Amino acid sequence: MENYLERPELIAAIEEAARSKNIDKADIFLGMEKGIAKIAKAKYGYDRDIVARINQKSGVIRLFGRQEVVETIENPEMENMQIVLANAQKINPELKVGEFIETELPLVEFGRGFAQTVRQVITQSIKDSERTRQYTEFKDREGEIISGTVKHAEYGNVIVDIGGRAEGFLGKDELIPRESLHTGDRVRALIMQVRDDSRGPQIILSRTHPNFMSKLFMQEVPEIYEGVIEIKAVARDPGSKAKLAVHSKDSSLDPVGACVGMRGTRVQSIVNELQGEKVDIVLWSADIGTFVVNALTPAKASKVVIDEKAGKIEVVVPEDQFSLAIGRRGQNVRLASQIVGKSIDILTEAQESERRQEEFKIKSALFIQALDIDEMIAQLLVSEGFMEIDEVAYVPMRELTSIQGFTEELATELQNRAKAYLEKTKNEIDSNLKKLNVAKDLLDFAELTPNQTLILAQKNVKTLMDVADLASDELQEMLPELNLETAGKIIMAARDICYKD
């Protein structure tokens, strides 16, 4: 049997296929070589590593048995795929371990089915090449808006013809609520994700993703496309309401007005595309308080209180603005929270006043009990902004003596009592921690106060590893003063220490 087979008709067939399908013929040759090697392997045995090579000019086909050069063959089943170094160097003295040696083999008898095999391999190669090309093309276009024609709609899911034999999948969850698309409709959508699987590239589209609206504004507003105006944040309740925070790099340009357009033409075009979704375009600000006020538009705020430690923001509004600030089913404040990136609580002026009075009573009672003072002195401390015992203990003396009616003698006595109370409390906490056998690594953990450590220990969280094993919501439930973000940071700090080795 000869070592080669000359089939010049292969060259013409492959070149024709490559030309008609706009595919690199090298990809088809590669597929052919893999197909022929697979046929040969079935004849020679699956314990052989068979390589087929086609001369791309003459169409000559050759087969080779390939063996990896190794020090020793440890698995007898690998004898046909491996060769020991000593034997390999008898053939080629320059060979090294890890390299391969190839031995030409007689061609197997392909028989009458060879032509059919060639057609099948070419067809499969074309499919594989098209699939690879489509995946590469659309993977690079993730995040773009694409236009297509509805090819099929069933059970709320839509298949979109996006050209080049490619199809996009627009799931019912990615369609704007109450939107109805039918075969033949033109539709625009965001290429949200491109996945490669055995069925070919899966191009996932979306019309509900926040970036879909961002890209629509980029297409409609030249200043955004040119980079003069930045879209800082987007939040959507698809089909109902959205908020877009914008900022201009040019101080002379009004970013909100540019996005709205003359007589609202620019924003109206986007509202129409989004099936009537109302869009609030708000001015972004580096000052968080100003940004929050802008984000709550159309409501008007009286005051913004930012609690950095808790990661929360409270906004006080007049009574007649409360419903507007909250929005239908909490929609306005929810979208505002999303573009600001922090939780926002809305209070009326009356609610805030009532709450402040309650806090005033609680803090006053704390000072009365801890410092053994009368109600008037306690209320004066709270009125001046003192909220915790340690603030009284370690504040500069002048801040106490500046309070009307507070002599230096009274201020000194208050500080002494505050320090004594803190020391007593610390000793009680230390004693309880000792009784509960809390591990040293948790006692030394700087992210938790001693009182927080005691609360956790009473709930059977007694080691740093116990903290590391908690979920954020579990820690927040044990320590309600923490928000989820802070709880998560504490847990991650514990894990960094526990798993650093």
Protein backbone atom coordinates (compact mmCIF):
# COMPACT_ATOMS: atom_id res chain seq x y z
CA MET A 1 0.00 0.00 0.00
CA GLU A 2 1.38 3.43 -0.97
CA ASN A 3 2.26 6.04 1.62
CA TYR A 4 0.35 8.79 -0.12
CA LEU A 5 -2.79 9.48 -2.09
CA GLU A 6 -3.02 12.19 -4.72
CA ARG A 7 -6.46 13.77 -4.98
CA PRO A 8 -6.15 17.06 -6.91
CA GLU A 9 -9.96 17.37 -7.04
CA LEU A 10 -9.78 18.14 -3.31
CA ILE A 11 -8.06 21.45 -4.00
CA ALA A 12 -10.77 22.61 -6.40
CA ALA A 13 -13.58 21.52 -4.05
CA ILE A 14 -12.05 23.22 -1.04
CA GLU A 15 -11.24 26.44 -2.91
CA GLU A 16 -14.79 26.62 -4.27
CA ALA A 17 -16.28 26.08 -0.80
CA ALA A 18 -14.00 28.70 0.73
CA ARG A 19 -14.87 31.22 -1.98
CA SER A 20 -18.64 30.70 -1.90
CA LYS A 21 -18.86 30.76 1.90
CA ASN A 22 -16.23 33.48 2.41
CA ILE A 23 -14.20 31.21 4.68
CA ASP A 24 -10.42 30.85 4.96
CA LYS A 25 -9.55 27.69 3.02
CA ALA A 26 -6.86 26.90 5.62
CA ASP A 27 -9.68 26.22 8.08
CA ILE A 28 -11.28 23.74 5.66
CA PHE A 29 -7.94 21.99 5.07
CA LEU A 30 -7.50 21.71 8.82
CA GLY A 31 -10.95 20.16 9.15
CA MET A 32 -10.19 17.76 6.30
CA GLU A 33 -6.96 16.65 7.96
CA LYS A 34 -8.77 16.01 11.24
CA GLY A 35 -11.50 14.05 9.44
CA ILE A 36 -9.04 11.87 7.51
CA ALA A 37 -7.00 11.25 10.68
CA LYS A 38 -10.19 10.15 12.44
CA ILE A 39 -10.93 7.64 9.67
CA ALA A 40 -7.34 6.36 9.78
CA LYS A 41 -7.44 6.01 13.55
CA ALA A 42 -10.49 3.77 13.27
CA LYS A 43 -8.46 1.53 10.93
CA TYR A 44 -5.11 1.59 12.73
CA GLY A 45 -6.53 1.54 16.26
CA TYR A 46 -7.48 4.16 18.81
CA ASP A 47 -4.26 3.57 20.73
CA ARG A 48 -2.40 5.42 17.97
CA ASP A 49 -1.90 9.17 17.59
CA ILE A 50 -2.56 9.64 13.88
CA VAL A 51 -1.88 12.87 11.99
CA ALA A 52 -3.03 13.52 8.41
CA ARG A 53 -1.47 16.17 6.18
CA ILE A 54 -2.74 17.52 2.87
CA ASN A 55 -0.48 19.39 0.47
CA GLN A 56 -2.52 22.50 -0.25
CA LYS A 57 -1.12 22.80 -3.77
CA SER A 58 -1.11 19.22 -5.08
CA GLY A 59 -3.80 17.58 -2.94
CA VAL A 60 -1.41 14.81 -1.84
CA ILE A 61 -2.56 13.15 1.40
CA ARG A 62 -0.11 11.53 3.84
CA LEU A 63 -0.55 9.85 7.22
CA PHE A 64 1.87 9.91 10.15
CA GLY A 65 1.99 8.09 13.46
CA ARG A 66 3.08 10.50 16.18
CA GLN A 67 4.88 9.56 19.41
CA GLU A 68 5.92 11.72 22.34
CA VAL A 69 9.52 11.39 23.54
CA VAL A 70 9.63 10.34 27.22
CA GLU A 71 12.22 9.10 29.71
CA THR A 72 10.29 5.91 30.39
CA ILE A 73 6.92 4.52 29.33
CA GLU A 74 5.07 4.04 32.60
CA ASN A 75 1.75 2.93 31.13
CA PRO A 76 1.93 -0.04 28.72
CA GLU A 77 -1.25 1.22 27.00
CA MET A 78 0.72 4.28 25.83
CA GLU A 79 3.41 2.32 23.94
CA ASN A 80 2.07 3.35 20.53
CA MET A 81 1.83 7.01 21.54
CA GLN A 82 5.19 7.32 23.35
CA ILE A 83 8.81 6.41 22.66
CA VAL A 84 11.70 6.32 25.12
CA LEU A 85 14.43 8.92 24.63
CA ALA A 86 17.17 6.39 23.86
CA ASN A 87 15.23 4.84 20.96
CA ALA A 88 14.11 8.22 19.65
CA GLN A 89 17.67 9.50 19.50
CA LYS A 90 18.66 6.52 17.34
CA ILE A 91 16.36 8.05 14.73
CA ASN A 92 17.19 11.69 15.46
CA PRO A 93 20.00 12.45 17.97
CA GLU A 94 18.68 15.98 18.53
CA LEU A 95 15.32 14.92 19.95
CA LYS A 96 14.52 15.83 23.58
CA VAL A 97 11.96 14.74 26.16
CA GLY A 98 8.60 16.37 25.46
CA GLU A 99 9.15 16.61 21.72
CA PHE A 100 7.42 14.43 19.12
CA ILE A 101 8.65 12.03 16.47
CA GLU A 102 6.56 11.20 13.42
CA THR A 103 6.69 8.07 11.28
CA GLU A 104 4.97 7.99 7.91
CA LEU A 105 2.30 5.29 7.61
CA PRO A 106 0.76 3.55 4.61
CA LEU A 107 -2.57 5.10 3.70
CA VAL A 108 -5.64 3.18 4.76
CA GLU A 109 -8.11 2.07 2.11
CA PHE A 110 -10.74 4.80 2.01
CA GLY A 111 -12.96 2.92 -0.38
CA ARG A 112 -15.90 4.22 -2.41
CA GLY A 113 -17.14 6.36 0.46
CA PHE A 114 -14.14 8.66 0.30
CA ALA A 115 -15.88 11.28 -1.87
CA GLN A 116 -18.86 11.32 0.48
CA THR A 117 -16.49 11.61 3.45
CA VAL A 118 -14.80 14.56 1.76
CA ARG A 119 -18.14 16.31 1.28
CA GLN A 120 -19.16 15.65 4.87
CA VAL A 121 -15.85 16.92 6.21
CA ILE A 122 -15.97 20.03 4.03
CA THR A 123 -19.55 20.72 5.14
CA GLN A 124 -18.62 20.28 8.80
CA SER A 125 -15.51 22.42 8.38
CA ILE A 126 -17.62 25.17 6.86
CA LYS A 127 -20.06 24.98 9.78
CA ASP A 128 -17.24 25.04 12.34
CA SER A 129 -15.52 27.93 10.60
CA GLU A 130 -18.74 29.94 10.34
CA ARG A 131 -19.48 29.25 13.98
CA THR A 132 -16.00 30.38 15.03
CA ARG A 133 -16.25 33.48 12.85
CA GLN A 134 -19.67 34.40 14.25
CA TYR A 135 -18.56 33.88 17.83
CA THR A 136 -15.44 36.02 17.35
CA GLU A 137 -17.39 38.74 15.53
CA PHE A 138 -20.21 39.04 18.04
CA LYS A 139 -18.09 38.43 21.15
CA ASP A 140 -16.21 41.59 20.26
CA ARG A 141 -19.54 43.43 19.96
CA GLU A 142 -20.90 42.69 23.44
CA GLY A 143 -22.43 45.89 24.79
CA GLU A 144 -23.42 47.22 21.35
CA ILE A 145 -26.92 47.84 20.05
CA ILE A 146 -27.85 45.72 17.05
CA SER A 147 -30.83 45.85 14.71
CA GLY A 148 -32.56 42.79 13.34
CA THR A 149 -35.80 41.27 12.15
CA VAL A 150 -38.03 39.05 14.26
CA LYS A 151 -37.71 35.58 12.77
CA HIS A 152 -39.82 33.67 15.25
CA ALA A 153 -41.76 34.42 18.44
CA GLU A 154 -43.11 31.77 20.76
CA TYR A 155 -44.03 31.63 24.47
CA GLY A 156 -42.82 35.22 24.85
CA ASN A 157 -39.30 34.42 23.60
CA VAL A 158 -38.11 35.98 20.34
CA ILE A 159 -35.53 34.80 17.78
CA VAL A 160 -34.02 37.74 15.90
CA ASP A 161 -32.28 37.52 12.52
CA ILE A 162 -29.25 39.80 12.94
CA GLY A 163 -27.66 39.09 9.56
CA GLY A 164 -24.81 36.90 8.36
CA ARG A 165 -26.77 33.73 9.17
CA ALA A 166 -26.61 34.76 12.82
CA GLU A 167 -29.54 34.73 15.20
CA GLY A 168 -30.03 36.48 18.51
CA PHE A 169 -32.14 35.25 21.40
CA LEU A 170 -34.39 37.81 23.08
CA GLY A 171 -35.90 36.11 26.11
CA LYS A 172 -39.23 37.20 27.53
CA ASP A 173 -37.47 38.52 30.66
CA GLU A 174 -35.37 40.77 28.41
CA LEU A 175 -38.39 42.22 26.62
CA ILE A 176 -40.00 45.41 27.89
CA PRO A 177 -43.20 44.48 29.81
CA ARG A 178 -46.35 44.47 27.66
CA GLU A 179 -44.17 44.63 24.53
CA SER A 180 -45.43 42.40 21.72
CA LEU A 181 -43.17 41.50 18.80
CA HIS A 182 -44.28 39.56 15.72
CA THR A 183 -42.56 37.85 12.81
CA GLY A 184 -41.15 40.43 10.42
CA ASP A 185 -40.97 43.28 12.99
CA ARG A 186 -37.76 45.32 13.07
CA VAL A 187 -36.25 45.46 16.54
CA ARG A 188 -33.23 46.97 18.26
CA ALA A 189 -31.57 45.32 21.27
CA LEU A 190 -28.35 45.23 23.29
CA ILE A 191 -25.92 42.36 22.70
CA MET A 192 -25.77 41.40 26.36
CA GLN A 193 -23.76 38.19 26.16
CA VAL A 194 -22.23 35.85 23.57
CA ARG A 195 -21.73 32.23 24.59
CA ASP A 196 -20.03 29.48 22.57
CA ASP A 197 -21.53 26.02 22.89
CA SER A 198 -22.07 22.87 20.85
CA ARG A 199 -25.04 24.39 18.99
CA GLY A 200 -22.99 27.36 17.86
CA PRO A 201 -22.67 30.89 19.25
CA GLN A 202 -25.58 31.87 21.49
CA ILE A 203 -26.14 35.62 21.13
CA ILE A 204 -28.22 36.84 24.09
CA LEU A 205 -30.06 40.12 23.50
CA SER A 206 -31.78 42.49 25.90
CA ARG A 207 -34.09 45.48 25.75
CA THR A 208 -34.39 45.82 29.54
CA HIS A 209 -30.71 46.11 30.48
CA PRO A 210 -29.71 49.60 31.76
CA ASN A 211 -26.94 49.73 29.15
CA PHE A 212 -29.54 49.48 26.38
CA MET A 213 -30.85 52.88 27.40
CA SER A 214 -27.29 54.25 27.77
CA LYS A 215 -26.44 53.16 24.24
CA LEU A 216 -29.66 54.68 22.89
CA PHE A 217 -28.67 58.02 24.41
CA MET A 218 -25.19 57.64 22.92
CA GLN A 219 -26.76 57.20 19.48
CA GLU A 220 -29.20 60.08 19.95
CA VAL A 221 -26.98 62.64 21.71
CA PRO A 222 -23.76 63.54 19.81
CA GLU A 223 -22.22 65.10 22.93
CA ILE A 224 -22.35 61.71 24.68
CA TYR A 225 -20.88 59.88 21.68
CA GLU A 226 -18.07 62.47 21.52
CA GLY A 227 -17.34 62.09 25.25
CA VAL A 228 -18.19 65.66 26.23
CA ILE A 229 -21.12 64.41 28.32
CA GLU A 230 -20.68 61.33 30.54
CA ILE A 231 -23.42 58.97 31.63
CA LYS A 232 -22.51 58.36 35.28
CA ALA A 233 -25.30 56.00 36.33
CA VAL A 234 -28.47 54.39 35.00
CA ALA A 235 -31.37 52.70 36.78
CA ARG A 236 -34.45 51.28 35.08
CA ASP A 237 -37.82 49.86 35.88
CA PRO A 238 -38.30 48.68 32.27
CA GLY A 239 -41.38 50.02 30.53
CA SER A 240 -42.29 52.25 33.46
CA LYS A 241 -39.60 54.66 34.67
CA ALA A 242 -35.85 55.22 34.49
CA LYS A 243 -33.27 57.61 35.87
CA LEU A 244 -30.12 58.71 34.06
CA ALA A 245 -27.36 60.68 35.83
CA VAL A 246 -25.22 62.79 33.49
CA HIS A 247 -22.18 65.05 33.84
CA SER A 248 -20.60 67.50 31.43
CA LYS A 249 -16.84 67.89 31.09
CA ASP A 250 -17.55 71.31 29.57
CA SER A 251 -18.84 73.63 32.30
CA SER A 252 -20.60 75.79 29.69
CA LEU A 253 -22.71 72.88 28.46
CA ASP A 254 -25.91 71.86 30.25
CA PRO A 255 -25.84 68.03 30.12
CA VAL A 256 -29.50 67.63 31.08
CA GLY A 257 -30.67 70.07 28.40
CA ALA A 258 -28.46 68.42 25.78
CA CYS A 259 -29.96 65.00 26.55
CA VAL A 260 -33.52 66.34 26.52
CA GLY A 261 -32.95 68.11 23.22
CA MET A 262 -34.84 70.93 21.57
CA ARG A 263 -38.47 70.67 22.70
CA GLY A 264 -37.67 67.25 24.13
CA THR A 265 -37.02 65.65 20.73
CA ARG A 266 -33.98 63.62 21.77
CA VAL A 267 -35.41 62.09 24.91
CA GLN A 268 -38.81 61.56 23.28
CA SER A 269 -37.20 59.44 20.57
CA ILE A 270 -35.76 57.18 23.29
CA VAL A 271 -39.03 57.12 25.25
CA ASN A 272 -40.79 55.90 22.10
CA GLU A 273 -38.18 53.13 21.60
CA LEU A 274 -38.67 52.08 25.25
CA GLN A 275 -42.44 51.76 24.86
CA GLY A 276 -43.26 54.95 26.76
CA GLU A 277 -40.80 54.43 29.63
CA LYS A 278 -40.55 57.78 31.46
CA VAL A 279 -36.95 58.99 31.82
CA ASP A 280 -35.74 61.37 34.55
CA ILE A 281 -32.44 62.92 33.42
CA VAL A 282 -30.64 64.26 36.48
CA LEU A 283 -27.44 66.16 37.03
CA TRP A 284 -24.66 64.10 38.60
CA SER A 285 -22.58 65.73 41.35
CA ALA A 286 -19.44 64.69 43.21
CA ASP A 287 -21.13 66.05 46.34
CA ILE A 288 -23.26 63.14 47.53
CA GLY A 289 -25.83 65.36 49.22
CA THR A 290 -26.41 67.40 46.06
CA PHE A 291 -26.55 64.26 43.94
CA VAL A 292 -29.18 62.72 46.22
CA VAL A 293 -31.37 65.81 45.96
CA ASN A 294 -31.04 65.72 42.16
CA ALA A 295 -31.69 61.97 42.01
CA LEU A 296 -35.03 62.31 43.81
CA THR A 297 -36.43 64.63 41.16
CA PRO A 298 -39.24 65.58 40.68
CA ALA A 299 -39.57 65.67 44.49
CA LYS A 300 -37.97 68.53 46.42
CA ALA A 301 -35.97 67.79 49.59
CA SER A 302 -35.61 69.93 52.72
CA LYS A 303 -32.53 68.24 54.19
CA VAL A 304 -30.14 65.35 53.54
CA VAL A 305 -28.49 63.48 56.42
CA ILE A 306 -25.62 61.17 55.46
CA ASP A 307 -24.57 58.36 57.80
CA GLU A 308 -21.21 57.24 56.38
CA LYS A 309 -20.72 54.59 59.06
CA ALA A 310 -24.04 52.89 58.36
CA GLY A 311 -23.86 53.59 54.62
CA LYS A 312 -27.36 55.09 54.66
CA ILE A 313 -28.82 58.41 53.62
CA GLU A 314 -31.91 60.05 55.10
CA VAL A 315 -33.77 62.67 53.13
CA VAL A 316 -36.28 64.94 54.84
CA VAL A 317 -39.07 66.29 52.65
CA PRO A 318 -42.13 68.49 53.26
CA GLU A 319 -45.35 66.59 53.86
CA ASP A 320 -46.71 67.42 50.42
CA GLN A 321 -43.56 66.01 48.75
CA PHE A 322 -43.50 62.66 50.56
CA SER A 323 -45.61 60.67 48.08
CA LEU A 324 -43.73 62.20 45.16
CA ALA A 325 -40.35 61.35 46.70
CA ILE A 326 -41.38 57.75 47.39
CA GLY A 327 -43.12 57.28 44.05
CA ARG A 328 -45.63 54.65 43.08
CA ARG A 329 -44.80 51.44 44.98
CA GLY A 330 -41.53 53.03 46.09
CA GLN A 331 -40.31 53.35 42.52
CA ASN A 332 -38.83 56.86 42.66
CA VAL A 333 -36.75 56.37 45.80
CA ARG A 334 -35.68 52.87 44.67
CA LEU A 335 -34.33 54.15 41.34
CA ALA A 336 -32.70 57.11 43.08
CA SER A 337 -30.97 54.72 45.50
CA GLN A 338 -29.67 52.67 42.57
CA ILE A 339 -28.05 55.57 40.72
CA VAL A 340 -26.61 57.03 43.93
CA GLY A 341 -25.36 53.61 45.04
CA LYS A 342 -26.59 53.96 48.63
CA SER A 343 -29.78 53.21 50.51
CA ILE A 344 -32.07 56.25 50.82
CA ASP A 345 -34.75 56.60 53.49
CA ILE A 346 -37.45 59.26 53.09
CA LEU A 347 -38.90 61.06 56.12
CA THR A 348 -41.38 63.87 56.39
CA GLU A 349 -40.39 66.90 58.46
CA ALA A 350 -42.88 65.79 61.12
CA GLN A 351 -41.46 62.26 61.22
CA GLU A 352 -37.93 63.56 61.54
CA SER A 353 -38.94 65.90 64.35
CA GLU A 354 -40.66 63.05 66.21
CA ARG A 355 -37.67 60.77 65.77
CA ARG A 356 -35.20 63.42 66.89
CA GLN A 357 -37.26 64.00 70.03
CA GLU A 358 -37.21 60.28 70.76
CA GLU A 359 -33.44 60.11 70.20
CA PHE A 360 -33.04 63.15 72.45
CA LYS A 361 -34.89 61.34 75.24
CA ILE A 362 -32.88 58.13 74.80
CA LYS A 363 -29.49 59.89 74.77
CA SER A 364 -30.45 62.08 77.70
CA ALA A 365 -31.47 58.99 79.68
CA LEU A 366 -28.13 57.34 78.83
CA PHE A 367 -26.17 60.29 80.22
CA ILE A 368 -28.38 60.50 83.31
CA GLN A 369 -27.85 56.82 84.11
CA ALA A 370 -24.15 56.53 83.16
CA LEU A 371 -22.87 59.83 84.60
CA ASP A 372 -25.32 60.15 87.50
CA ILE A 373 -26.33 63.70 86.49
CA ASP A 374 -29.61 65.57 86.47
CA GLU A 375 -31.86 65.88 83.46
CA MET A 376 -30.96 69.48 82.65
CA ILE A 377 -27.22 68.77 82.32
CA ALA A 378 -27.93 65.64 80.26
CA GLN A 379 -30.17 67.60 77.88
CA LEU A 380 -27.54 70.31 77.51
CA LEU A 381 -24.96 67.68 76.49
CA VAL A 382 -27.29 66.18 73.88
CA SER A 383 -28.26 69.61 72.59
CA GLU A 384 -24.56 70.36 72.01
CA GLY A 385 -24.20 67.20 69.89
CA PHE A 386 -22.77 64.73 72.41
CA MET A 387 -24.17 61.26 71.60
CA GLU A 388 -21.84 58.75 73.29
CA ILE A 389 -20.14 58.49 76.68
CA ASP A 390 -16.66 58.29 75.16
CA GLU A 391 -17.25 61.64 73.45
CA VAL A 392 -17.69 63.23 76.86
CA ALA A 393 -14.69 61.34 78.28
CA TYR A 394 -12.12 62.31 75.66
CA VAL A 395 -13.31 65.56 74.08
CA PRO A 396 -10.97 68.56 74.62
CA MET A 397 -11.89 70.35 77.85
CA ARG A 398 -12.65 73.60 76.03
CA GLU A 399 -15.57 71.97 74.19
CA LEU A 400 -17.26 71.18 77.50
CA THR A 401 -16.49 74.51 79.15
CA SER A 402 -17.86 76.34 76.09
CA ILE A 403 -21.35 75.04 76.97
CA GLN A 404 -23.31 77.74 78.75
CA GLY A 405 -23.28 77.15 82.52
CA PHE A 406 -20.48 74.51 82.39
CA THR A 407 -17.59 75.46 84.64
CA GLU A 408 -14.15 73.85 84.41
CA GLU A 409 -14.88 72.04 87.66
CA LEU A 410 -18.12 70.58 86.25
CA ALA A 411 -16.44 69.62 82.98
CA THR A 412 -13.61 67.84 84.85
CA GLU A 413 -16.09 65.95 87.01
CA LEU A 414 -18.12 64.89 83.93
CA GLN A 415 -15.00 63.59 82.21
CA ASN A 416 -13.90 61.69 85.30
CA ARG A 417 -17.32 60.05 85.62
CA ALA A 418 -17.40 59.23 81.91
CA LYS A 419 -13.97 57.58 82.07
CA ALA A 420 -14.93 55.66 85.18
CA TYR A 421 -18.11 54.42 83.49
CA LEU A 422 -16.18 53.33 80.37
CA GLU A 423 -13.61 51.52 82.50
CA LYS A 424 -16.30 49.73 84.48
CA THR A 425 -18.10 48.75 81.28
CA LYS A 426 -14.84 47.50 79.73
CA ASN A 427 -14.06 45.37 82.78
CA GLU A 428 -17.55 43.86 82.72
CA ILE A 429 -17.26 43.07 79.03
CA ASP A 430 -13.76 41.57 79.47
CA SER A 431 -15.01 39.44 82.33
CA ASN A 432 -17.95 38.16 80.33
CA LEU A 433 -15.74 37.46 77.31
CA LYS A 434 -13.43 35.44 79.52
CA LYS A 435 -16.32 33.45 80.98
CA LEU A 436 -17.51 32.68 77.45
CA ASN A 437 -14.03 31.42 76.43
CA VAL A 438 -13.76 33.74 73.41
CA ALA A 439 -10.69 32.95 71.28
CA LYS A 440 -7.77 35.38 71.30
CA ASP A 441 -7.91 35.90 67.54
CA LEU A 442 -11.47 37.23 67.87
CA LEU A 443 -10.55 39.39 70.88
CA ASP A 444 -7.72 40.93 68.83
CA PHE A 445 -9.91 41.50 65.75
CA ALA A 446 -9.90 45.28 65.25
CA GLU A 447 -13.00 45.37 63.02
CA LEU A 448 -15.32 44.64 65.98
CA THR A 449 -15.77 46.59 69.20
CA PRO A 450 -15.54 44.66 72.49
CA ASN A 451 -19.29 45.04 72.97
CA GLN A 452 -19.97 43.68 69.47
CA THR A 453 -17.61 40.77 70.19
CA LEU A 454 -19.56 40.04 73.39
CA ILE A 455 -22.89 40.07 71.54
CA LEU A 456 -21.50 37.61 68.99
CA ALA A 457 -20.03 35.39 71.71
CA GLN A 458 -23.42 35.23 73.42
CA LYS A 459 -24.72 33.90 70.10
CA ASN A 460 -21.97 31.23 70.05
CA VAL A 461 -19.69 33.05 67.59
CA LYS A 462 -16.47 32.74 69.60
CA THR A 463 -13.59 32.49 67.09
CA LEU A 464 -12.45 34.52 64.13
CA MET A 465 -13.19 31.51 61.93
CA ASP A 466 -16.79 31.58 63.18
CA VAL A 467 -17.02 35.17 61.91
CA ALA A 468 -15.39 34.22 58.59
CA ASP A 469 -17.99 31.49 58.08
CA LEU A 470 -20.94 33.87 58.49
CA ALA A 471 -22.97 35.36 55.65
CA SER A 472 -23.44 39.14 55.57
CA ASP A 473 -27.13 38.95 56.46
CA GLU A 474 -26.39 36.64 59.40
CA LEU A 475 -23.87 39.10 60.87
CA GLN A 476 -26.25 42.00 60.29
CA GLU A 477 -29.03 40.12 62.08
CA MET A 478 -26.74 39.66 65.11
CA LEU A 479 -25.49 43.26 64.98
CA PRO A 480 -28.41 45.36 63.63
CA GLU A 481 -26.38 48.58 63.70
CA LEU A 482 -24.38 47.30 60.74
CA ASN A 483 -25.57 47.57 57.15
CA LEU A 484 -25.00 44.71 54.71
CA GLU A 485 -22.01 46.38 53.08
CA THR A 486 -20.22 46.93 56.41
CA ALA A 487 -21.08 43.41 57.56
CA GLY A 488 -19.60 42.06 54.34
CA LYS A 489 -16.37 44.01 54.82
CA ILE A 490 -15.99 42.68 58.38
CA ILE A 491 -16.47 39.10 57.18
CA MET A 492 -13.95 39.56 54.34
CA ALA A 493 -11.41 41.00 56.79
CA ALA A 494 -11.86 37.92 58.97
CA ARG A 495 -11.42 35.63 55.97
CA ASP A 496 -8.27 37.45 54.89
CA ILE A 497 -6.73 36.69 58.28
CA CYS A 498 -8.02 33.11 58.56
CA TYR A 499 -7.08 32.05 55.03
CA LYS A 500 -3.92 34.09 54.46
CA ASP A 501 -1.78 30.95 54.62
